[in-house]
Amino acid sequence: MQSMDLVSLLSRPEGKTLEFKRDLSSPEGALKTIIAFANTSGGALLVGIEDGARGVKGVPDVLKEEEGLQRPRPGRSTL
């Protein structure tokens, strides 16, 4: 995917190469999206974007969110 600015990405609809998530409180959906992007033509996952109006909420602690994606899930060997 080519480099794009946030305003341009927010103006596009979600689809095969673009996904918006409010947060990663339930990371399974984000992980499935990342795997789908990796197995196809790539894509952009924007975290911190409110549903509907696409307001930019942001992510208060980026490292905490990233660590949450890397943490093993009890009882889950695959997605």
C-alpha atoms as a PDB file:
ATOM      1  CA  MET A   1       0.000   0.000   0.000  1.00  0.00           C
ATOM      2  CA  GLN A   2       1.288   3.450  -0.833  1.00  0.00           C
ATOM      3  CA  SER A   3       1.875   6.022   1.858  1.00  0.00           C
ATOM      4  CA  MET A   4      -1.310   8.052   2.505  1.00  0.00           C
ATOM      5  CA  ASP A   5      -2.203  10.763   4.932  1.00  0.00           C
ATOM      6  CA  LEU A   6      -4.781  10.226   7.669  1.00  0.00           C
ATOM      7  CA  VAL A   7      -7.390  12.506   6.088  1.00  0.00           C
ATOM      8  CA  SER A   8      -7.230  10.540   2.843  1.00  0.00           C
ATOM      9  CA  LEU A   9      -7.559   7.205   4.655  1.00  0.00           C
ATOM     10  CA  LEU A  10     -10.512   8.441   6.721  1.00  0.00           C
ATOM     11  CA  SER A  11     -12.349   9.461   3.563  1.00  0.00           C
ATOM     12  CA  ARG A  12     -12.176   5.925   2.163  1.00  0.00           C
ATOM     13  CA  PRO A  13     -14.644   3.154   3.004  1.00  0.00           C
ATOM     14  CA  GLU A  14     -13.525   0.086   4.904  1.00  0.00           C
ATOM     15  CA  GLY A  15     -12.822  -2.844   2.635  1.00  0.00           C
ATOM     16  CA  LYS A  16     -10.257  -5.439   1.651  1.00  0.00           C
ATOM     17  CA  THR A  17      -7.311  -3.124   2.326  1.00  0.00           C
ATOM     18  CA  LEU A  18      -8.609  -0.747   5.021  1.00  0.00           C
ATOM     19  CA  GLU A  19     -10.029  -1.396   8.484  1.00  0.00           C
ATOM     20  CA  PHE A  20     -10.854   0.945  11.398  1.00  0.00           C
ATOM     21  CA  LYS A  21     -10.864  -0.105  15.069  1.00  0.00           C
ATOM     22  CA  ARG A  22     -11.885   2.054  18.046  1.00  0.00           C
ATOM     23  CA  ASP A  23      -9.482   0.179  20.324  1.00  0.00           C
ATOM     24  CA  LEU A  24      -7.936  -3.223  20.839  1.00  0.00           C
ATOM     25  CA  SER A  25      -9.905  -4.226  23.941  1.00  0.00           C
ATOM     26  CA  SER A  26     -10.918  -7.367  22.001  1.00  0.00           C
ATOM     27  CA  PRO A  27      -7.801  -7.943  19.893  1.00  0.00           C
ATOM     28  CA  GLU A  28      -9.045 -11.045  18.036  1.00  0.00           C
ATOM     29  CA  GLY A  29     -10.733  -8.938  15.344  1.00  0.00           C
ATOM     30  CA  ALA A  30      -7.601  -6.874  14.777  1.00  0.00           C
ATOM     31  CA  LEU A  31      -5.432  -9.987  14.658  1.00  0.00           C
ATOM     32  CA  LYS A  32      -7.716 -11.585  12.057  1.00  0.00           C
ATOM     33  CA  THR A  33      -7.523  -8.395   9.992  1.00  0.00           C
ATOM     34  CA  ILE A  34      -3.725  -8.312  10.200  1.00  0.00           C
ATOM     35  CA  ILE A  35      -3.529 -11.965   9.117  1.00  0.00           C
ATOM     36  CA  ALA A  36      -5.917 -11.330   6.219  1.00  0.00           C
ATOM     37  CA  PHE A  37      -3.828  -8.347   5.063  1.00  0.00           C
ATOM     38  CA  ALA A  38      -0.645 -10.437   5.326  1.00  0.00           C
ATOM     39  CA  ASN A  39      -2.194 -13.234   3.249  1.00  0.00           C
ATOM     40  CA  THR A  40      -3.448 -10.937   0.482  1.00  0.00           C
ATOM     41  CA  SER A  41      -2.289  -7.655  -0.989  1.00  0.00           C
ATOM     42  CA  GLY A  42      -1.676  -5.872   2.331  1.00  0.00           C
ATOM     43  CA  GLY A  43      -3.673  -3.106   3.913  1.00  0.00           C
ATOM     44  CA  ALA A  44      -3.965  -0.501   6.636  1.00  0.00           C
ATOM     45  CA  LEU A  45      -5.432  -1.034  10.092  1.00  0.00           C
ATOM     46  CA  LEU A  46      -6.157   2.259  11.868  1.00  0.00           C
ATOM     47  CA  VAL A  47      -6.641   1.979  15.626  1.00  0.00           C
ATOM     48  CA  GLY A  48      -8.223   4.815  17.586  1.00  0.00           C
ATOM     49  CA  ILE A  49     -10.939   5.656  15.054  1.00  0.00           C
ATOM     50  CA  GLU A  50     -14.536   5.868  16.311  1.00  0.00           C
ATOM     51  CA  ASP A  51     -17.174   3.907  14.433  1.00  0.00           C
ATOM     52  CA  GLY A  52     -19.713   5.761  12.337  1.00  0.00           C
ATOM     53  CA  ALA A  53     -18.511   9.367  12.211  1.00  0.00           C
ATOM     54  CA  ARG A  54     -14.882   8.216  12.003  1.00  0.00           C
ATOM     55  CA  GLY A  55     -13.758  10.588  14.706  1.00  0.00           C
ATOM     56  CA  VAL A  56     -10.129  10.270  15.652  1.00  0.00           C
ATOM     57  CA  LYS A  57     -10.112   9.089  19.257  1.00  0.00           C
ATOM     58  CA  GLY A  58      -6.437   8.207  19.357  1.00  0.00           C
ATOM     59  CA  VAL A  59      -4.623   5.637  21.450  1.00  0.00           C
ATOM     60  CA  PRO A  60      -3.495   6.798  24.902  1.00  0.00           C
ATOM     61  CA  ASP A  61      -0.773   4.154  25.360  1.00  0.00           C
ATOM     62  CA  VAL A  62       0.532   2.781  22.059  1.00  0.00           C
ATOM     63  CA  LEU A  63       3.006   0.371  23.675  1.00  0.00           C
ATOM     64  CA  LYS A  64       0.274  -1.128  25.868  1.00  0.00           C
ATOM     65  CA  GLU A  65      -1.924  -1.722  22.812  1.00  0.00           C
ATOM     66  CA  GLU A  66       0.965  -3.313  20.915  1.00  0.00           C
ATOM     67  CA  GLU A  67       1.825  -5.581  23.851  1.00  0.00           C
ATOM     68  CA  GLY A  68      -1.832  -6.636  24.055  1.00  0.00           C
ATOM     69  CA  LEU A  69      -1.622  -7.963  20.512  1.00  0.00           C
ATOM     70  CA  GLN A  70       1.529  -9.942  21.293  1.00  0.00           C
ATOM     71  CA  ARG A  71       0.251 -11.527  24.516  1.00  0.00           C
ATOM     72  CA  PRO A  72      -0.713 -15.222  24.180  1.00  0.00           C
ATOM     73  CA  ARG A  73      -4.408 -15.928  24.639  1.00  0.00           C
ATOM     74  CA  PRO A  74      -5.283 -18.699  27.139  1.00  0.00           C
ATOM     75  CA  GLY A  75      -6.944 -21.620  25.390  1.00  0.00           C
ATOM     76  CA  ARG A  76      -6.333 -20.164  21.918  1.00  0.00           C
ATOM     77  CA  SER A  77      -3.808 -21.929  19.727  1.00  0.00           C
ATOM     78  CA  THR A  78      -5.156 -20.411  16.502  1.00  0.00           C
ATOM     79  CA  LEU A  79      -7.464 -17.594  15.519  1.00  0.00           C
END
